[in-house]
N, C-alpha and C. Protein backbone atom coordinates (compact mmCIF):
# COMPACT_ATOMS: atom_id res chain seq x y z
N UNK A 1 153.76 110.95 220.52
CA UNK A 1 153.62 111.35 219.15
C UNK A 1 152.32 112.09 218.93
N UNK A 2 152.42 113.06 218.11
CA UNK A 2 151.26 113.89 217.87
C UNK A 2 150.77 113.62 216.44
N UNK A 3 149.70 112.83 216.32
CA UNK A 3 149.13 112.53 214.99
C UNK A 3 148.00 113.47 214.68
N UNK A 4 147.97 113.86 213.44
CA UNK A 4 146.87 114.73 213.03
C UNK A 4 146.08 113.99 211.97
N UNK A 5 144.80 113.91 212.15
CA UNK A 5 143.91 113.27 211.18
C UNK A 5 142.89 114.29 210.71
N UNK A 6 142.28 113.94 209.61
CA UNK A 6 141.24 114.82 209.07
C UNK A 6 140.02 114.70 209.98
N UNK A 7 139.38 115.77 210.25
CA UNK A 7 138.20 115.72 211.09
C UNK A 7 137.09 114.98 210.36
N UNK A 8 136.26 114.29 211.08
CA UNK A 8 135.20 113.49 210.47
C UNK A 8 134.22 114.37 209.69
N UNK A 9 133.97 115.56 210.10
CA UNK A 9 133.05 116.45 209.38
C UNK A 9 133.62 116.80 208.00
N UNK A 10 134.94 117.03 207.95
CA UNK A 10 135.57 117.30 206.66
C UNK A 10 135.55 116.06 205.76
N UNK A 11 135.78 114.91 206.34
CA UNK A 11 135.79 113.67 205.58
C UNK A 11 134.40 113.39 204.99
N UNK A 12 133.38 113.58 205.75
CA UNK A 12 132.01 113.35 205.27
C UNK A 12 131.68 114.36 204.16
N UNK A 13 132.05 115.60 204.34
CA UNK A 13 131.79 116.62 203.33
C UNK A 13 132.52 116.28 202.03
N UNK A 14 133.76 115.83 202.14
CA UNK A 14 134.53 115.46 200.97
C UNK A 14 133.89 114.26 200.25
N UNK A 15 133.45 113.27 200.98
CA UNK A 15 132.79 112.10 200.38
C UNK A 15 131.48 112.50 199.69
N UNK A 16 130.72 113.40 200.29
CA UNK A 16 129.46 113.84 199.68
C UNK A 16 129.75 114.59 198.37
N UNK A 17 130.76 115.43 198.35
CA UNK A 17 131.12 116.15 197.13
C UNK A 17 131.58 115.20 196.03
N UNK A 18 132.39 114.22 196.37
CA UNK A 18 132.86 113.26 195.38
C UNK A 18 131.69 112.44 194.84
N UNK A 19 130.81 111.97 195.72
CA UNK A 19 129.65 111.18 195.30
C UNK A 19 128.71 112.02 194.44
N UNK A 20 128.50 113.27 194.79
CA UNK A 20 127.64 114.16 193.99
C UNK A 20 128.22 114.41 192.61
N UNK A 21 129.53 114.63 192.55
CA UNK A 21 130.20 114.83 191.25
C UNK A 21 130.09 113.60 190.37
N UNK A 22 130.30 112.43 190.94
CA UNK A 22 130.15 111.19 190.17
C UNK A 22 128.70 110.99 189.73
N UNK A 23 127.76 111.35 190.59
CA UNK A 23 126.34 111.24 190.23
C UNK A 23 125.99 112.12 189.04
N UNK A 24 126.53 113.33 189.01
CA UNK A 24 126.29 114.24 187.89
C UNK A 24 126.89 113.67 186.60
N UNK A 25 128.09 113.12 186.68
CA UNK A 25 128.71 112.51 185.51
C UNK A 25 127.89 111.34 184.98
N UNK A 26 127.43 110.47 185.86
CA UNK A 26 126.61 109.33 185.44
C UNK A 26 125.29 109.81 184.83
N UNK A 27 124.67 110.80 185.43
CA UNK A 27 123.41 111.35 184.91
C UNK A 27 123.60 111.90 183.50
N UNK A 28 124.64 112.70 183.27
CA UNK A 28 124.91 113.24 181.94
C UNK A 28 125.17 112.15 180.92
N UNK A 29 125.91 111.12 181.30
CA UNK A 29 126.18 110.01 180.40
C UNK A 29 124.87 109.31 180.01
N UNK A 30 124.01 109.07 180.98
CA UNK A 30 122.74 108.38 180.69
C UNK A 30 121.82 109.23 179.82
N UNK A 31 121.75 110.52 180.05
CA UNK A 31 120.91 111.40 179.23
C UNK A 31 121.41 111.42 177.80
N UNK A 32 122.71 111.54 177.61
CA UNK A 32 123.27 111.55 176.25
C UNK A 32 123.08 110.21 175.57
N UNK A 33 123.23 109.12 176.29
CA UNK A 33 123.01 107.79 175.70
C UNK A 33 121.56 107.63 175.30
N UNK A 34 120.64 108.10 176.11
CA UNK A 34 119.22 107.99 175.80
C UNK A 34 118.87 108.81 174.56
N UNK A 35 119.45 110.00 174.42
CA UNK A 35 119.18 110.83 173.24
C UNK A 35 119.65 110.13 171.97
N UNK A 36 120.80 109.48 172.04
CA UNK A 36 121.33 108.78 170.88
C UNK A 36 120.45 107.57 170.55
N UNK A 37 120.07 106.81 171.56
CA UNK A 37 119.27 105.61 171.32
C UNK A 37 117.86 105.93 170.86
N UNK A 38 117.29 107.03 171.32
CA UNK A 38 115.90 107.33 170.97
C UNK A 38 115.79 108.08 169.64
N UNK A 39 116.89 108.58 169.11
CA UNK A 39 116.81 109.26 167.82
C UNK A 39 116.85 108.23 166.71
N UNK A 40 116.07 108.48 165.67
CA UNK A 40 116.04 107.54 164.56
C UNK A 40 115.81 108.28 163.25
N UNK A 41 116.14 107.59 162.18
CA UNK A 41 115.89 108.10 160.85
C UNK A 41 114.90 107.17 160.18
N UNK A 42 113.80 107.74 159.70
CA UNK A 42 112.78 106.89 159.10
C UNK A 42 111.86 107.69 158.20
N UNK A 43 111.58 107.12 157.05
CA UNK A 43 110.56 107.63 156.14
C UNK A 43 109.43 106.61 156.10
N UNK A 44 108.22 107.08 155.97
CA UNK A 44 107.07 106.23 155.67
C UNK A 44 106.57 106.61 154.29
N UNK A 45 106.30 105.62 153.46
CA UNK A 45 105.70 105.88 152.16
C UNK A 45 104.19 105.90 152.40
N UNK A 46 103.62 107.11 152.48
CA UNK A 46 102.19 107.24 152.77
C UNK A 46 101.33 106.75 151.62
N UNK A 47 101.75 107.08 150.40
CA UNK A 47 101.01 106.61 149.22
C UNK A 47 101.95 106.59 148.03
N UNK A 48 101.66 105.71 147.10
CA UNK A 48 102.43 105.63 145.86
C UNK A 48 101.53 105.06 144.79
N UNK A 49 101.51 105.71 143.62
CA UNK A 49 100.71 105.19 142.52
C UNK A 49 101.46 105.38 141.22
N UNK A 50 101.27 104.41 140.33
CA UNK A 50 101.83 104.45 138.99
C UNK A 50 100.68 104.21 138.03
N UNK A 51 100.48 105.13 137.09
CA UNK A 51 99.36 105.04 136.17
C UNK A 51 99.87 105.11 134.74
N UNK A 52 99.49 104.13 133.94
CA UNK A 52 99.87 104.08 132.54
C UNK A 52 99.10 105.15 131.76
N UNK A 53 99.82 105.92 130.94
CA UNK A 53 99.17 106.93 130.10
C UNK A 53 99.71 106.81 128.68
N UNK A 54 99.03 107.40 127.73
CA UNK A 54 99.39 107.39 126.31
C UNK A 54 99.64 105.97 125.80
N UNK A 55 98.61 105.14 125.88
CA UNK A 55 98.67 103.76 125.38
C UNK A 55 99.82 102.97 125.99
N UNK A 56 100.13 103.23 127.25
CA UNK A 56 101.14 102.46 127.95
C UNK A 56 102.58 102.83 127.63
N UNK A 57 102.81 103.95 126.98
CA UNK A 57 104.19 104.34 126.66
C UNK A 57 104.80 105.25 127.73
N UNK A 58 103.95 105.90 128.53
CA UNK A 58 104.41 106.76 129.61
C UNK A 58 103.73 106.34 130.91
N UNK A 59 104.34 106.72 132.03
CA UNK A 59 103.78 106.38 133.34
C UNK A 59 103.74 107.63 134.21
N UNK A 60 102.57 107.90 134.76
CA UNK A 60 102.41 108.99 135.73
C UNK A 60 102.71 108.43 137.11
N UNK A 61 103.58 109.12 137.87
CA UNK A 61 103.89 108.67 139.24
C UNK A 61 103.46 109.73 140.23
N UNK A 62 103.07 109.27 141.40
CA UNK A 62 102.69 110.15 142.50
C UNK A 62 103.09 109.43 143.79
N UNK A 63 104.12 109.94 144.46
CA UNK A 63 104.66 109.31 145.66
C UNK A 63 104.64 110.33 146.79
N UNK A 64 104.07 109.95 147.93
CA UNK A 64 104.02 110.81 149.10
C UNK A 64 104.78 110.14 150.24
N UNK A 65 105.79 110.86 150.77
CA UNK A 65 106.61 110.38 151.87
C UNK A 65 106.42 111.26 153.08
N UNK A 66 106.65 110.67 154.26
CA UNK A 66 106.64 111.47 155.49
C UNK A 66 107.83 111.08 156.33
N UNK A 67 108.56 112.08 156.82
CA UNK A 67 109.67 111.84 157.73
C UNK A 67 109.07 111.53 159.10
N UNK A 68 109.03 110.25 159.45
CA UNK A 68 108.45 109.82 160.73
C UNK A 68 109.52 109.60 161.79
N UNK A 69 110.76 109.93 161.47
CA UNK A 69 111.85 109.79 162.43
C UNK A 69 112.03 111.06 163.23
N UNK A 70 113.15 111.12 163.94
CA UNK A 70 113.42 112.28 164.79
C UNK A 70 114.61 113.10 164.29
N UNK A 71 115.13 112.78 163.09
CA UNK A 71 116.24 113.54 162.53
C UNK A 71 115.85 114.10 161.17
N UNK A 72 116.54 115.16 160.77
CA UNK A 72 116.31 115.77 159.46
C UNK A 72 116.96 114.93 158.37
N UNK A 73 116.31 114.87 157.21
CA UNK A 73 116.93 114.29 156.04
C UNK A 73 117.47 115.43 155.19
N UNK A 74 118.69 115.26 154.68
CA UNK A 74 119.29 116.30 153.85
C UNK A 74 119.33 115.91 152.38
N UNK A 75 119.11 114.64 152.09
CA UNK A 75 119.08 114.18 150.70
C UNK A 75 118.13 112.99 150.62
N UNK A 76 117.22 113.04 149.65
CA UNK A 76 116.25 111.96 149.46
C UNK A 76 116.21 111.58 147.99
N UNK A 77 116.37 110.30 147.72
CA UNK A 77 116.31 109.79 146.36
C UNK A 77 115.19 108.76 146.28
N UNK A 78 114.24 109.00 145.39
CA UNK A 78 113.14 108.06 145.16
C UNK A 78 113.32 107.45 143.79
N UNK A 79 113.20 106.14 143.71
CA UNK A 79 113.34 105.44 142.44
C UNK A 79 112.15 104.52 142.24
N UNK A 80 111.80 104.30 140.97
CA UNK A 80 110.72 103.38 140.62
C UNK A 80 111.32 102.30 139.73
N UNK A 81 111.03 101.05 140.04
CA UNK A 81 111.53 99.94 139.24
C UNK A 81 110.37 99.41 138.40
N UNK A 82 110.49 99.57 137.07
CA UNK A 82 109.46 99.15 136.13
C UNK A 82 110.11 98.19 135.14
N UNK A 83 109.58 96.98 135.08
CA UNK A 83 110.07 95.97 134.14
C UNK A 83 111.58 95.77 134.23
N UNK A 84 112.11 95.75 135.44
CA UNK A 84 113.53 95.51 135.65
C UNK A 84 114.42 96.73 135.47
N UNK A 85 113.88 97.84 135.06
CA UNK A 85 114.66 99.07 134.87
C UNK A 85 114.39 100.02 136.05
N UNK A 86 115.45 100.64 136.54
CA UNK A 86 115.33 101.59 137.64
C UNK A 86 115.28 103.00 137.09
N UNK A 87 114.24 103.72 137.46
CA UNK A 87 114.06 105.11 137.05
C UNK A 87 114.15 105.99 138.29
N UNK A 88 115.22 106.80 138.36
CA UNK A 88 115.39 107.71 139.49
C UNK A 88 114.54 108.95 139.27
N UNK A 89 113.72 109.25 140.25
CA UNK A 89 112.91 110.47 140.20
C UNK A 89 113.83 111.64 140.58
N UNK A 90 113.46 112.86 140.25
CA UNK A 90 114.31 114.00 140.62
C UNK A 90 114.61 113.97 142.12
N UNK A 91 115.89 114.15 142.46
CA UNK A 91 116.30 114.07 143.86
C UNK A 91 115.91 115.32 144.62
N UNK A 92 115.55 115.10 145.88
CA UNK A 92 115.23 116.20 146.77
C UNK A 92 116.47 116.45 147.63
N UNK A 93 117.12 117.60 147.43
CA UNK A 93 118.32 117.92 148.18
C UNK A 93 118.05 118.98 149.25
N UNK A 94 116.77 119.20 149.56
CA UNK A 94 116.44 120.15 150.61
C UNK A 94 116.22 119.37 151.91
N UNK A 95 116.28 120.08 153.00
CA UNK A 95 116.09 119.47 154.32
C UNK A 95 114.63 119.10 154.51
N UNK A 96 114.40 117.86 154.93
CA UNK A 96 113.06 117.39 155.25
C UNK A 96 113.03 117.13 156.75
N UNK A 97 112.36 118.00 157.49
CA UNK A 97 112.32 117.93 158.94
C UNK A 97 111.41 116.81 159.43
N UNK A 98 111.60 116.37 160.68
CA UNK A 98 110.71 115.35 161.24
C UNK A 98 109.25 115.80 161.16
N UNK A 99 108.39 114.89 160.72
CA UNK A 99 106.97 115.17 160.59
C UNK A 99 106.56 115.76 159.26
N UNK A 100 107.52 116.22 158.46
CA UNK A 100 107.23 116.86 157.18
C UNK A 100 106.83 115.83 156.13
N UNK A 101 105.84 116.20 155.32
CA UNK A 101 105.38 115.36 154.21
C UNK A 101 105.96 115.92 152.92
N UNK A 102 106.49 115.01 152.09
CA UNK A 102 107.07 115.40 150.81
C UNK A 102 106.36 114.61 149.72
N UNK A 103 105.98 115.30 148.63
CA UNK A 103 105.30 114.63 147.52
C UNK A 103 106.10 114.84 146.25
N UNK A 104 106.26 113.77 145.49
CA UNK A 104 106.89 113.85 144.18
C UNK A 104 105.93 113.27 143.16
N UNK A 105 105.70 114.02 142.09
CA UNK A 105 104.83 113.55 141.02
C UNK A 105 105.35 114.04 139.69
N UNK A 106 105.05 113.26 138.66
CA UNK A 106 105.50 113.62 137.33
C UNK A 106 105.29 112.48 136.36
N UNK A 107 105.97 112.55 135.23
CA UNK A 107 105.81 111.56 134.16
C UNK A 107 107.15 110.91 133.87
N UNK A 108 107.12 109.58 133.77
CA UNK A 108 108.31 108.81 133.40
C UNK A 108 108.17 108.31 131.98
N UNK A 109 109.24 108.29 131.25
CA UNK A 109 109.25 107.73 129.91
C UNK A 109 109.47 106.21 130.04
N UNK A 110 108.47 105.55 130.58
CA UNK A 110 108.54 104.10 130.83
C UNK A 110 107.15 103.51 130.66
N UNK A 111 107.11 102.31 130.14
CA UNK A 111 105.83 101.63 129.90
C UNK A 111 105.44 100.79 131.11
N UNK A 112 104.30 101.10 131.71
CA UNK A 112 103.75 100.28 132.78
C UNK A 112 102.39 99.77 132.33
N UNK A 113 101.92 98.73 132.98
CA UNK A 113 100.63 98.15 132.60
C UNK A 113 99.70 98.09 133.79
N UNK A 114 98.41 98.09 133.50
CA UNK A 114 97.40 97.97 134.53
C UNK A 114 97.56 96.61 135.21
N UNK A 115 97.65 96.61 136.52
CA UNK A 115 97.78 95.37 137.28
C UNK A 115 99.20 94.88 137.45
N UNK A 116 100.16 95.51 136.78
CA UNK A 116 101.56 95.13 136.95
C UNK A 116 102.06 95.48 138.34
N UNK A 117 103.01 94.70 138.84
CA UNK A 117 103.58 94.94 140.17
C UNK A 117 104.92 95.65 139.99
N UNK A 118 105.06 96.80 140.64
CA UNK A 118 106.27 97.61 140.52
C UNK A 118 106.76 97.98 141.91
N UNK A 119 108.01 98.43 141.99
CA UNK A 119 108.61 98.77 143.28
C UNK A 119 108.97 100.25 143.32
N UNK A 120 108.60 100.88 144.43
CA UNK A 120 109.03 102.25 144.72
C UNK A 120 110.05 102.14 145.84
N UNK A 121 111.25 102.67 145.62
CA UNK A 121 112.34 102.56 146.60
C UNK A 121 112.80 103.96 147.02
N UNK A 122 113.04 104.11 148.32
CA UNK A 122 113.49 105.39 148.88
C UNK A 122 114.85 105.19 149.56
N UNK A 123 115.83 106.00 149.19
CA UNK A 123 117.14 106.06 149.85
C UNK A 123 117.29 107.48 150.37
N UNK A 124 117.63 107.61 151.65
CA UNK A 124 117.75 108.96 152.21
C UNK A 124 118.95 109.04 153.14
N UNK A 125 119.50 110.26 153.26
CA UNK A 125 120.64 110.52 154.13
C UNK A 125 120.21 111.58 155.14
N UNK A 126 120.45 111.29 156.42
CA UNK A 126 120.09 112.22 157.49
C UNK A 126 121.21 113.22 157.73
N UNK A 127 120.93 114.24 158.54
CA UNK A 127 121.91 115.30 158.79
C UNK A 127 123.15 114.82 159.54
N UNK A 128 123.09 113.65 160.16
CA UNK A 128 124.27 113.11 160.86
C UNK A 128 125.02 112.09 159.99
N UNK A 129 124.59 111.92 158.73
CA UNK A 129 125.25 110.99 157.81
C UNK A 129 124.65 109.59 157.79
N UNK A 130 123.75 109.30 158.71
CA UNK A 130 123.13 107.97 158.71
C UNK A 130 122.16 107.86 157.54
N UNK A 131 121.91 106.63 157.10
CA UNK A 131 121.08 106.41 155.92
C UNK A 131 119.84 105.60 156.27
N UNK A 132 118.84 105.71 155.40
CA UNK A 132 117.61 104.95 155.56
C UNK A 132 117.16 104.49 154.18
N UNK A 133 116.74 103.24 154.09
CA UNK A 133 116.26 102.67 152.84
C UNK A 133 114.96 101.93 153.11
N UNK A 134 113.97 102.14 152.24
CA UNK A 134 112.72 101.40 152.34
C UNK A 134 112.16 101.25 150.92
N UNK A 135 111.23 100.32 150.78
CA UNK A 135 110.59 100.14 149.47
C UNK A 135 109.16 99.69 149.67
N UNK A 136 108.38 99.79 148.60
CA UNK A 136 106.97 99.42 148.63
C UNK A 136 106.59 98.86 147.29
N UNK A 137 105.85 97.74 147.31
CA UNK A 137 105.32 97.17 146.07
C UNK A 137 104.03 97.91 145.69
N UNK A 138 103.92 98.30 144.44
CA UNK A 138 102.78 99.08 143.95
C UNK A 138 102.16 98.36 142.77
N UNK A 139 100.85 98.32 142.72
CA UNK A 139 100.13 97.77 141.56
C UNK A 139 99.81 98.89 140.61
N UNK A 140 100.17 98.70 139.33
CA UNK A 140 99.94 99.73 138.32
C UNK A 140 98.46 99.93 138.04
N UNK A 141 98.10 101.16 137.72
CA UNK A 141 96.72 101.52 137.38
C UNK A 141 96.59 101.73 135.89
């Protein structure tokens, strides 16, 4: 009987090609997984102040945020809670890139008092649809 087998050189070459192809697939999977795991959405409230003006009938606000994550924010909503009432500041619907600082300031028709404890809350949506929420307690001036 005349049996024909694959030559050992061909077999080794075929095994090396299969192993190399699998190695490339595993490498791509790990790189993509690492990119997903290392990306994050995060804002830091760098500063926030609430100051009573006009005999305590109005409040001046000044809030500075920084995108400290690795994704863009496409919508940012900042709210101030004064005496149990939530006051939404004008929403920022522009893209806030990583590292960018955003400042919102203006006047609220709300009464705050010197030494009162108030909350500044940030809700944001990133370009991939993920959300981020943070808050900070602020003492009124």
